[in-house]
Protein backbone atom coordinates (compact mmCIF):
# COMPACT_ATOMS: atom_id res chain seq x y z
CA MET A 1 96.71 87.03 70.80
CA LEU A 2 98.83 86.36 73.95
CA GLN A 3 98.52 89.04 76.51
CA LEU A 4 101.66 89.83 78.49
CA ARG A 5 101.89 92.20 81.62
CA TYR A 6 103.59 94.55 79.32
CA GLY A 7 102.51 93.81 75.78
CA SER A 8 100.85 91.54 73.33
CA SER A 9 102.03 88.94 70.82
CA VAL A 10 100.79 87.07 67.90
CA THR A 11 102.08 84.35 65.62
CA SER A 12 102.38 85.76 62.18
CA ARG A 13 101.20 83.93 59.06
CA LEU A 14 104.21 85.44 57.25
CA GLY A 15 107.71 84.70 56.97
CA PHE A 16 110.29 86.63 59.14
CA ALA A 17 111.32 89.30 56.60
CA GLN A 18 107.74 89.48 55.17
CA THR A 19 106.47 90.24 58.76
CA VAL A 20 108.93 92.89 59.39
CA GLU A 21 108.02 94.71 56.20
CA ARG A 22 104.35 94.12 56.73
CA ALA A 23 104.51 95.36 60.23
CA LYS A 24 106.01 98.69 59.06
CA GLU A 25 103.26 98.99 56.50
CA LEU A 26 100.76 98.54 59.03
CA LEU A 27 102.26 100.95 61.53
CA LYS A 28 102.25 103.55 58.83
CA GLU A 29 98.72 102.93 58.06
CA GLN A 30 97.92 103.52 61.93
CA GLY A 31 99.78 106.76 61.66
CA PHE A 32 103.16 105.55 63.11
CA GLY A 33 106.55 106.38 61.76
CA VAL A 34 109.34 103.83 62.36
CA LEU A 35 112.21 105.90 64.03
CA CYS A 36 114.55 103.17 64.21
CA GLN A 37 115.04 99.44 63.27
CA ILE A 38 117.31 97.47 65.30
CA ASP A 39 118.54 94.06 64.02
CA VAL A 40 119.37 92.35 67.29
CA ARG A 41 120.86 89.34 65.76
CA LYS A 42 123.32 91.43 63.57
CA THR A 43 124.35 93.50 66.48
CA LEU A 44 124.88 90.88 68.89
CA LYS A 45 127.00 89.00 66.25
CA GLU A 46 129.10 92.09 65.34
CA LYS A 47 129.61 93.19 69.13
CA THR A 48 130.02 89.85 70.88
CA GLY A 49 130.31 87.16 68.26
CA ALA A 50 127.27 85.47 69.55
CA GLU A 51 124.73 83.78 67.30
CA PHE A 52 121.19 84.76 67.95
CA ARG A 53 117.76 84.00 66.34
CA PRO A 54 116.36 86.67 64.01
CA TYR A 55 115.15 89.53 66.08
CA VAL A 56 114.10 93.06 65.10
CA ILE A 57 113.01 95.84 67.14
CA LEU A 58 110.97 98.57 65.32
CA GLY A 59 110.83 101.88 67.37
CA ALA A 60 107.42 103.38 66.29
CA CYS A 61 106.07 106.69 66.90
CA ASN A 62 102.75 108.39 66.26
CA PRO A 63 103.72 112.03 66.21
CA ARG A 64 100.36 113.45 67.19
CA LEU A 65 99.78 111.06 70.12
CA ALA A 66 103.40 111.59 71.13
CA GLN A 67 102.80 115.33 71.22
CA GLN A 68 99.74 115.08 73.29
CA ALA A 69 101.55 112.83 75.77
CA LEU A 70 104.65 115.03 75.93
CA GLU A 71 102.43 118.15 76.53
CA ARG A 72 101.13 116.55 79.56
CA GLU A 73 104.46 115.08 80.99
CA SER A 74 107.66 116.48 79.78
CA GLN A 75 109.84 113.64 80.72
CA LEU A 76 107.79 111.04 79.00
CA GLY A 77 110.42 110.86 76.18
CA LEU A 78 112.18 108.39 78.35
CA LEU A 79 109.51 105.89 77.60
CA LEU A 80 109.31 106.54 73.87
CA PRO A 81 109.07 105.30 71.18
CA CYS A 82 106.73 102.55 71.30
CA ASN A 83 108.52 99.29 70.32
CA VAL A 84 107.14 96.41 68.15
CA VAL A 85 109.25 93.36 68.01
CA VAL A 86 109.53 90.65 65.32
CA GLN A 87 111.48 87.47 66.14
CA ARG A 88 111.62 83.92 65.19
CA GLU A 89 110.96 81.32 67.84
CA GLY A 90 111.77 77.87 66.57
CA ASP A 91 109.64 77.56 63.27
CA ALA A 92 107.15 80.45 64.44
CA VAL A 93 107.60 84.14 63.68
CA ILE A 94 106.19 86.14 66.59
CA ALA A 95 105.20 89.67 66.57
CA SER A 96 104.80 91.75 69.73
CA ALA A 97 103.94 95.36 70.68
CA ILE A 98 104.27 97.19 73.97
CA ASP A 99 101.13 97.90 76.25
CA ALA A 100 101.26 101.68 76.21
CA LYS A 101 98.75 101.62 79.15
CA ALA A 102 101.27 99.32 81.22
CA LEU A 103 103.98 101.57 80.14
CA LEU A 104 102.38 104.91 80.78
CA GLY A 105 101.05 103.54 84.11
CA MET A 106 104.55 103.99 85.52
CA VAL A 107 104.04 107.75 85.35
CA GLY A 108 101.10 107.88 87.49
CA ARG A 109 99.13 110.55 85.36
CA PRO A 110 95.56 109.33 84.76
CA GLU A 111 95.21 111.94 81.80
CA LEU A 112 97.51 109.81 79.86
CA THR A 113 95.16 106.93 79.95
CA PRO A 114 93.06 107.95 76.76
CA ILE A 115 96.32 108.50 74.78
CA ALA A 116 97.65 104.99 75.85
CA ASP A 117 94.14 103.47 74.88
CA ASP A 118 94.40 104.98 71.53
CA VAL A 119 98.05 103.74 70.94
CA ASN A 120 97.03 100.11 72.15
CA ALA A 121 93.95 100.22 69.77
CA ARG A 122 96.35 100.94 66.85
CA LEU A 123 99.03 98.60 67.87
CA ARG A 124 96.39 95.87 68.10
CA SER A 125 95.23 96.65 64.60
CA VAL A 126 99.03 96.06 63.33
CA LEU A 127 99.23 92.72 65.29
CA ASP A 128 95.76 91.51 63.90
CA GLY A 129 96.95 92.54 60.42
CA LEU A 130 99.94 90.14 60.82
CA THR A 131 97.68 86.90 61.87
């Protein structure tokens, strides 16, 4: 697993479309719903005519954890949902997830740390399931 300042990524053992579908299944197993699925490649082609690699953003939300966080910080919706990205880089399929602790760290509310840790553990499980 590659750690970034704002997330983690892994190389998937599956093809691109299979990784997207498996990520959605694993998110569901971890209590997340996928609120939106953005096909960046398709959108860029339609809006700008540009060719782009396969790239999908899954906007995931765990309702229980989101409620806990929103009860502690009413404007937190600006930072939701948690994004999971699946993209093709050369011959590899890369899956990435946001680091909720880094994201929520911007808020400066220590009481959000346990929630962020829970989100991160669940997202790590999703990424682990793709390797």
